[in-house]
Every structure is written in structure tokens, then in C-alpha cells.
């Protein structure tokens, strides 16, 4: 039997099977109840406003509006929102953006049920929940040089297979300026060529294809 003071949980994930699985695990715990489920960021915000849950589990990559944008919007409106990122991605940039947006925890979807429940309890009590492996990647991200907005834009176009000339045309800058940006990107990512840069960017979650 559920306690009257059970932890009320909102799940936001675009995969129905994952939502149902999470809900089954959470509802099986006598101290927790799933009170709503969202399939994208827009729904997550609307359902948060309606139910104001104790803890929200937020997927990072969803259609229409992603998790980072939804977390940012919720935390701007509700200063005491308690949100955990729950994702299949452990790229250091994904971790950084999720926590920077206001999340208090970061869990991978392959986490054991006991870890999921412990994370919900910890976040509900006001603690942060960051597994050691995730924390190590976060430290790595914080020690890496920041890419500027322009460099990020160039990198995303590189990932689409565009040449320097086409990137220059797309961004309305000269080809020599593009080359300078590319060189700085390679230096900051610690790689020797464009292909390596794109691979690293995808792995770290800087670029999503």
C-alpha cells in the first residue's frame, strides 16, 4: 500500500516502452508513485506545471523539445524543481549541459532498478546524484577548452560533411576564416584532422547526428 506522503514522480521520455518500464519499477516501491508521463519536452513542461512533482526523470533527446531545453524552462519557472537526467548517452557534453540546465542528477538507462530508486530518494531529499563514472566524465569536460558558438556552428556543419568552402557560404564568412575556425577546433579537441574531430564531437555529445 502506498504511503500518503509517497514521492511523486514525473517521467519524460519519448519511448513508451521505457516509460512503462520505469513506471513499473517506481510504482512497485511503496514510497513512490508515478503521477504523469510525458513523451517530449513540451509535454514535460505542461505536466510539470499541472502536477508539480517531487522528482522528474528527464530524457535528454526527445522530439519537438529536448530535455536540456525542458529542464531550463522548468527550473526558470520553478526554482526548487528536482530533476534527474535519465539517458542512454554519457558523452561529457551531454552531462555538462544537463547539469548546467539545472538537473540535480544524471542516470544512464542501463542503471539497475535499485540505483534508479536510490537516485530518486537522494534527489528528493535535496542531494545531488552523480555516479562516479559520470562524475569523471564531467570533470574531463570541465577541464577541456570551451568551443565558441561560432566554432560549434562550424563543427556541426563539418559533421554534415560540408567542405570549408560550403561552410563559408552557409555562414557567410570567408573560406580562410573557416580554416582558422577548423584549426582552433582541432586544437581544442586534441585531434589532427576533421574526421577525428567529428568522431570525438559525436562521442562527447557536442554534435548530434
C-alpha atoms as a PDB file:
ATOM      1  CA  UNK A   1       0.000   0.000   0.000  1.00  0.00           C
ATOM      2  CA  UNK A   2       1.304   3.456  -0.975  1.00  0.00           C
ATOM      3  CA  UNK A   3       2.136   5.893   1.773  1.00  0.00           C
ATOM      4  CA  UNK A   4       0.192   9.162   1.745  1.00  0.00           C
ATOM      5  CA  UNK A   5       3.496  11.021   1.613  1.00  0.00           C
ATOM      6  CA  UNK A   6       4.934   8.997  -1.276  1.00  0.00           C
ATOM      7  CA  UNK A   7       7.417  10.657  -3.650  1.00  0.00           C
ATOM      8  CA  UNK A   8       5.502  11.881  -6.697  1.00  0.00           C
ATOM      9  CA  UNK A   9       7.436  11.263  -9.927  1.00  0.00           C
ATOM     10  CA  UNK A  10       7.051  12.640 -13.460  1.00  0.00           C
ATOM     11  CA  UNK A  11       8.667  10.638 -16.293  1.00  0.00           C
ATOM     12  CA  UNK A  12       9.588  12.327 -19.584  1.00  0.00           C
ATOM     13  CA  UNK A  13      10.791  10.001 -22.352  1.00  0.00           C
ATOM     14  CA  UNK A  14       9.786   9.645 -25.995  1.00  0.00           C
ATOM     15  CA  UNK A  15       9.784   5.816 -25.883  1.00  0.00           C
ATOM     16  CA  UNK A  16       6.554   4.370 -24.481  1.00  0.00           C
ATOM     17  CA  UNK A  17       8.171   1.045 -23.548  1.00  0.00           C
ATOM     18  CA  UNK A  18      10.832   2.804 -21.474  1.00  0.00           C
ATOM     19  CA  UNK A  19       8.211   4.970 -19.748  1.00  0.00           C
ATOM     20  CA  UNK A  20       6.156   1.913 -18.841  1.00  0.00           C
ATOM     21  CA  UNK A  21       9.214   0.048 -17.587  1.00  0.00           C
ATOM     22  CA  UNK A  22      10.281   2.941 -15.405  1.00  0.00           C
ATOM     23  CA  UNK A  23       6.746   3.397 -14.102  1.00  0.00           C
ATOM     24  CA  UNK A  24       6.530  -0.301 -13.180  1.00  0.00           C
ATOM     25  CA  UNK A  25       9.798  -0.121 -11.211  1.00  0.00           C
ATOM     26  CA  UNK A  26       8.855   3.104  -9.448  1.00  0.00           C
ATOM     27  CA  UNK A  27       5.246   2.168  -8.662  1.00  0.00           C
ATOM     28  CA  UNK A  28       6.435  -1.131  -7.208  1.00  0.00           C
ATOM     29  CA  UNK A  29       8.182   0.855  -4.455  1.00  0.00           C
ATOM     30  CA  UNK A  30       5.794   1.622  -1.600  1.00  0.00           C
ATOM     31  CA  UNK A  31       7.308   5.089  -1.126  1.00  0.00           C
ATOM     32  CA  UNK A  32       6.899   6.321  -4.736  1.00  0.00           C
ATOM     33  CA  UNK A  33       4.165   6.992  -7.285  1.00  0.00           C
ATOM     34  CA  UNK A  34       4.373   7.972 -10.962  1.00  0.00           C
ATOM     35  CA  UNK A  35       1.826  10.756 -11.318  1.00  0.00           C
ATOM     36  CA  UNK A  36       2.348  11.654 -15.003  1.00  0.00           C
ATOM     37  CA  UNK A  37       4.251  10.664 -18.154  1.00  0.00           C
ATOM     38  CA  UNK A  38       5.413  12.939 -20.977  1.00  0.00           C
ATOM     39  CA  UNK A  39       6.689  11.995 -24.428  1.00  0.00           C
ATOM     40  CA  UNK A  40       8.553  15.225 -25.234  1.00  0.00           C
ATOM     41  CA  UNK A  41       9.862  18.393 -23.633  1.00  0.00           C
ATOM     42  CA  UNK A  42       6.736  20.453 -24.301  1.00  0.00           C
ATOM     43  CA  UNK A  43       4.557  17.875 -22.566  1.00  0.00           C
ATOM     44  CA  UNK A  44       7.031  17.636 -19.704  1.00  0.00           C
ATOM     45  CA  UNK A  45       6.739  21.368 -19.031  1.00  0.00           C
ATOM     46  CA  UNK A  46       2.929  21.305 -19.235  1.00  0.00           C
ATOM     47  CA  UNK A  47       2.641  18.265 -16.957  1.00  0.00           C
ATOM     48  CA  UNK A  48       5.152  19.742 -14.512  1.00  0.00           C
ATOM     49  CA  UNK A  49       3.031  22.876 -14.237  1.00  0.00           C
ATOM     50  CA  UNK A  50      -0.103  20.785 -13.718  1.00  0.00           C
ATOM     51  CA  UNK A  51       1.250  18.311 -11.157  1.00  0.00           C
ATOM     52  CA  UNK A  52       4.404  19.956  -9.733  1.00  0.00           C
ATOM     53  CA  UNK A  53       6.018  16.555  -8.996  1.00  0.00           C
ATOM     54  CA  UNK A  54       8.582  15.942  -6.279  1.00  0.00           C
ATOM     55  CA  UNK A  55      11.093  14.447  -8.733  1.00  0.00           C
ATOM     56  CA  UNK A  56      11.220  14.464 -12.546  1.00  0.00           C
ATOM     57  CA  UNK A  57      13.099  11.937 -14.688  1.00  0.00           C
ATOM     58  CA  UNK A  58      14.012  13.685 -17.945  1.00  0.00           C
ATOM     59  CA  UNK A  59      15.325  12.073 -21.113  1.00  0.00           C
ATOM     60  CA  UNK A  60      17.817  14.300 -22.949  1.00  0.00           C
ATOM     61  CA  UNK A  61      16.916  13.627 -26.571  1.00  0.00           C
ATOM     62  CA  UNK A  62      13.245  13.881 -27.434  1.00  0.00           C
ATOM     63  CA  UNK A  63      11.328  15.253 -30.452  1.00  0.00           C
ATOM     64  CA  UNK A  64       9.927  18.803 -30.589  1.00  0.00           C
ATOM     65  CA  UNK A  65      11.762  19.958 -27.469  1.00  0.00           C
ATOM     66  CA  UNK A  66      14.732  18.154 -25.925  1.00  0.00           C
ATOM     67  CA  UNK A  67      15.472  17.536 -22.277  1.00  0.00           C
ATOM     68  CA  UNK A  68      18.003  20.339 -21.783  1.00  0.00           C
ATOM     69  CA  UNK A  69      15.539  22.948 -23.046  1.00  0.00           C
ATOM     70  CA  UNK A  70      12.740  21.494 -20.906  1.00  0.00           C
ATOM     71  CA  UNK A  71      14.936  21.415 -17.787  1.00  0.00           C
ATOM     72  CA  UNK A  72      15.970  25.027 -18.410  1.00  0.00           C
ATOM     73  CA  UNK A  73      12.342  26.147 -18.775  1.00  0.00           C
ATOM     74  CA  UNK A  74      11.113  24.242 -15.718  1.00  0.00           C
ATOM     75  CA  UNK A  75      13.944  25.457 -13.477  1.00  0.00           C
ATOM     76  CA  UNK A  76      13.398  29.053 -14.604  1.00  0.00           C
ATOM     77  CA  UNK A  77       9.753  28.856 -13.526  1.00  0.00           C
ATOM     78  CA  UNK A  78      10.105  26.557 -10.513  1.00  0.00           C
ATOM     79  CA  UNK A  79      13.242  27.386  -8.531  1.00  0.00           C
ATOM     80  CA  UNK A  80      13.046  24.275  -6.350  1.00  0.00           C
ATOM     81  CA  UNK A  81      12.448  21.762  -9.160  1.00  0.00           C
ATOM     82  CA  UNK A  82      14.246  18.469  -8.605  1.00  0.00           C
ATOM     83  CA  UNK A  83      15.168  16.809 -11.880  1.00  0.00           C
ATOM     84  CA  UNK A  84      17.321  13.846 -12.851  1.00  0.00           C
ATOM     85  CA  UNK A  85      18.568  13.345 -16.385  1.00  0.00           C
ATOM     86  CA  UNK A  86      17.880   9.764 -17.468  1.00  0.00           C
ATOM     87  CA  UNK A  87      19.510   8.909 -20.774  1.00  0.00           C
ATOM     88  CA  UNK A  88      21.358   6.344 -22.859  1.00  0.00           C
ATOM     89  CA  UNK A  89      24.041   8.938 -23.593  1.00  0.00           C
ATOM     90  CA  UNK A  90      27.070   9.503 -21.384  1.00  0.00           C
ATOM     91  CA  UNK A  91      29.005  11.986 -23.512  1.00  0.00           C
ATOM     92  CA  UNK A  92      30.660  14.560 -21.296  1.00  0.00           C
ATOM     93  CA  UNK A  93      28.960  17.450 -23.080  1.00  0.00           C
ATOM     94  CA  UNK A  94      25.534  15.855 -22.558  1.00  0.00           C
ATOM     95  CA  UNK A  95      26.297  15.523 -18.843  1.00  0.00           C
ATOM     96  CA  UNK A  96      27.541  19.097 -18.607  1.00  0.00           C
ATOM     97  CA  UNK A  97      24.564  20.614 -20.443  1.00  0.00           C
ATOM     98  CA  UNK A  98      22.039  18.622 -18.426  1.00  0.00           C
ATOM     99  CA  UNK A  99      23.505  19.629 -15.076  1.00  0.00           C
ATOM    100  CA  UNK A 100      24.157  23.198 -16.197  1.00  0.00           C
ATOM    101  CA  UNK A 101      20.470  23.491 -17.140  1.00  0.00           C
ATOM    102  CA  UNK A 102      19.528  22.718 -13.542  1.00  0.00           C
ATOM    103  CA  UNK A 103      19.347  18.922 -13.145  1.00  0.00           C
ATOM    104  CA  UNK A 104      20.459  17.535  -9.784  1.00  0.00           C
ATOM    105  CA  UNK A 105      21.246  14.039 -11.035  1.00  0.00           C
ATOM    106  CA  UNK A 106      22.367  12.065 -14.053  1.00  0.00           C
ATOM    107  CA  UNK A 107      21.461   8.414 -14.596  1.00  0.00           C
ATOM    108  CA  UNK A 108      22.044   6.079 -17.520  1.00  0.00           C
ATOM    109  CA  UNK A 109      19.128   3.953 -18.691  1.00  0.00           C
ATOM    110  CA  UNK A 110      21.106   0.767 -18.116  1.00  0.00           C
ATOM    111  CA  UNK A 111      21.245   1.551 -14.377  1.00  0.00           C
ATOM    112  CA  UNK A 112      19.922  -1.130 -12.047  1.00  0.00           C
ATOM    113  CA  UNK A 113      16.422  -0.583 -10.591  1.00  0.00           C
ATOM    114  CA  UNK A 114      17.926  -0.171  -7.114  1.00  0.00           C
ATOM    115  CA  UNK A 115      20.183   2.635  -8.396  1.00  0.00           C
ATOM    116  CA  UNK A 116      17.215   4.360 -10.023  1.00  0.00           C
ATOM    117  CA  UNK A 117      15.214   4.269  -6.783  1.00  0.00           C
ATOM    118  CA  UNK A 118      18.189   5.407  -4.703  1.00  0.00           C
ATOM    119  CA  UNK A 119      18.733   8.317  -7.092  1.00  0.00           C
ATOM    120  CA  UNK A 120      15.088   9.394  -6.797  1.00  0.00           C
ATOM    121  CA  UNK A 121      15.292   9.291  -2.987  1.00  0.00           C
ATOM    122  CA  UNK A 122      18.566  11.233  -2.939  1.00  0.00           C
ATOM    123  CA  UNK A 123      17.300  13.959  -5.272  1.00  0.00           C
ATOM    124  CA  UNK A 124      14.011  14.177  -3.367  1.00  0.00           C
ATOM    125  CA  UNK A 125      15.971  14.814  -0.168  1.00  0.00           C
ATOM    126  CA  UNK A 126      17.883  17.655  -1.815  1.00  0.00           C
ATOM    127  CA  UNK A 127      21.099  15.800  -2.635  1.00  0.00           C
ATOM    128  CA  UNK A 128      22.818  15.532  -5.997  1.00  0.00           C
ATOM    129  CA  UNK A 129      23.157  12.106  -7.591  1.00  0.00           C
ATOM    130  CA  UNK A 130      26.070  11.667  -9.992  1.00  0.00           C
ATOM    131  CA  UNK A 131      27.570   8.157 -10.370  1.00  0.00           C
ATOM    132  CA  UNK A 132      31.400   8.027 -10.223  1.00  0.00           C
ATOM    133  CA  UNK A 133      31.805   7.211 -13.928  1.00  0.00           C
ATOM    134  CA  UNK A 134      29.582  10.144 -14.882  1.00  0.00           C
ATOM    135  CA  UNK A 135      31.418  12.426 -12.450  1.00  0.00           C
ATOM    136  CA  UNK A 136      34.745  11.507 -14.035  1.00  0.00           C
ATOM    137  CA  UNK A 137      33.452  12.471 -17.479  1.00  0.00           C
ATOM    138  CA  UNK A 138      32.060  15.721 -16.081  1.00  0.00           C
ATOM    139  CA  UNK A 139      35.494  16.599 -14.665  1.00  0.00           C
ATOM    140  CA  UNK A 140      37.015  15.822 -18.051  1.00  0.00           C
ATOM    141  CA  UNK A 141      34.501  18.134 -19.730  1.00  0.00           C
ATOM    142  CA  UNK A 142      35.252  20.952 -17.299  1.00  0.00           C
ATOM    143  CA  UNK A 143      38.983  20.653 -17.979  1.00  0.00           C
ATOM    144  CA  UNK A 144      38.544  20.840 -21.775  1.00  0.00           C
ATOM    145  CA  UNK A 145      38.788  24.230 -23.552  1.00  0.00           C
ATOM    146  CA  UNK A 146      35.383  25.684 -24.432  1.00  0.00           C
ATOM    147  CA  UNK A 147      34.352  25.887 -28.079  1.00  0.00           C
ATOM    148  CA  UNK A 148      32.892  29.247 -29.057  1.00  0.00           C
ATOM    149  CA  UNK A 149      29.394  29.476 -30.558  1.00  0.00           C
ATOM    150  CA  UNK A 150      30.927  30.053 -33.991  1.00  0.00           C
ATOM    151  CA  UNK A 151      33.238  27.067 -33.588  1.00  0.00           C
ATOM    152  CA  UNK A 152      30.274  24.927 -32.555  1.00  0.00           C
ATOM    153  CA  UNK A 153      28.415  26.075 -35.663  1.00  0.00           C
ATOM    154  CA  UNK A 154      31.363  25.187 -37.898  1.00  0.00           C
ATOM    155  CA  UNK A 155      31.762  21.810 -36.167  1.00  0.00           C
ATOM    156  CA  UNK A 156      28.087  20.932 -36.725  1.00  0.00           C
ATOM    157  CA  UNK A 157      28.449  21.701 -40.439  1.00  0.00           C
ATOM    158  CA  UNK A 158      31.671  19.663 -40.555  1.00  0.00           C
ATOM    159  CA  UNK A 159      29.688  16.759 -39.130  1.00  0.00           C
ATOM    160  CA  UNK A 160      27.286  17.107 -42.070  1.00  0.00           C
ATOM    161  CA  UNK A 161      30.216  16.563 -44.422  1.00  0.00           C
ATOM    162  CA  UNK A 162      30.451  20.131 -45.714  1.00  0.00           C
ATOM    163  CA  UNK A 163      33.714  21.447 -47.157  1.00  0.00           C
ATOM    164  CA  UNK A 164      35.303  24.658 -45.884  1.00  0.00           C
ATOM    165  CA  UNK A 165      34.019  26.458 -48.953  1.00  0.00           C
ATOM    166  CA  UNK A 166      30.422  25.329 -48.424  1.00  0.00           C
ATOM    167  CA  UNK A 167      30.629  26.099 -44.692  1.00  0.00           C
ATOM    168  CA  UNK A 168      31.864  29.588 -45.536  1.00  0.00           C
ATOM    169  CA  UNK A 169      28.950  30.140 -47.920  1.00  0.00           C
ATOM    170  CA  UNK A 170      26.452  28.785 -45.397  1.00  0.00           C
ATOM    171  CA  UNK A 171      27.741  31.003 -42.587  1.00  0.00           C
ATOM    172  CA  UNK A 172      28.529  33.991 -44.825  1.00  0.00           C
ATOM    173  CA  UNK A 173      32.218  34.028 -43.858  1.00  0.00           C
ATOM    174  CA  UNK A 174      35.360  33.598 -45.941  1.00  0.00           C
ATOM    175  CA  UNK A 175      36.960  30.219 -46.559  1.00  0.00           C
ATOM    176  CA  UNK A 176      40.135  31.377 -44.811  1.00  0.00           C
ATOM    177  CA  UNK A 177      38.078  32.272 -41.719  1.00  0.00           C
ATOM    178  CA  UNK A 178      36.531  28.798 -41.796  1.00  0.00           C
ATOM    179  CA  UNK A 179      40.021  27.266 -41.967  1.00  0.00           C
ATOM    180  CA  UNK A 180      41.058  29.290 -38.918  1.00  0.00           C
ATOM    181  CA  UNK A 181      37.982  28.060 -37.009  1.00  0.00           C
ATOM    182  CA  UNK A 182      38.679  24.459 -38.054  1.00  0.00           C
ATOM    183  CA  UNK A 183      42.268  24.698 -36.832  1.00  0.00           C
ATOM    184  CA  UNK A 184      41.116  26.014 -33.454  1.00  0.00           C
ATOM    185  CA  UNK A 185      38.503  23.254 -33.222  1.00  0.00           C
ATOM    186  CA  UNK A 186      41.136  20.583 -33.914  1.00  0.00           C
ATOM    187  CA  UNK A 187      43.424  22.108 -31.301  1.00  0.00           C
ATOM    188  CA  UNK A 188      40.721  22.334 -28.627  1.00  0.00           C
ATOM    189  CA  UNK A 189      39.542  18.777 -29.242  1.00  0.00           C
ATOM    190  CA  UNK A 190      43.121  17.491 -29.307  1.00  0.00           C
ATOM    191  CA  UNK A 191      42.845  15.823 -32.733  1.00  0.00           C
ATOM    192  CA  UNK A 192      44.715  16.009 -36.035  1.00  0.00           C
ATOM    193  CA  UNK A 193      42.012  16.005 -38.696  1.00  0.00           C
ATOM    194  CA  UNK A 194      38.347  16.764 -39.410  1.00  0.00           C
ATOM    195  CA  UNK A 195      37.209  13.132 -39.263  1.00  0.00           C
ATOM    196  CA  UNK A 196      38.681  12.677 -35.783  1.00  0.00           C
ATOM    197  CA  UNK A 197      37.093  15.956 -34.710  1.00  0.00           C
ATOM    198  CA  UNK A 198      33.633  14.810 -35.797  1.00  0.00           C
ATOM    199  CA  UNK A 199      34.030  11.387 -34.143  1.00  0.00           C
ATOM    200  CA  UNK A 200      35.120  12.974 -30.851  1.00  0.00           C
ATOM    201  CA  UNK A 201      32.326  15.562 -31.047  1.00  0.00           C
ATOM    202  CA  UNK A 202      29.675  12.864 -31.517  1.00  0.00           C
ATOM    203  CA  UNK A 203      31.147  10.693 -28.758  1.00  0.00           C
ATOM    204  CA  UNK A 204      31.202  13.585 -26.322  1.00  0.00           C
ATOM    205  CA  UNK A 205      27.697  14.732 -27.221  1.00  0.00           C
ATOM    206  CA  UNK A 206      28.841  18.064 -28.664  1.00  0.00           C
ATOM    207  CA  UNK A 207      27.263  17.170 -32.024  1.00  0.00           C
ATOM    208  CA  UNK A 208      24.189  15.002 -32.574  1.00  0.00           C
ATOM    209  CA  UNK A 209      23.562  13.434 -35.970  1.00  0.00           C
END
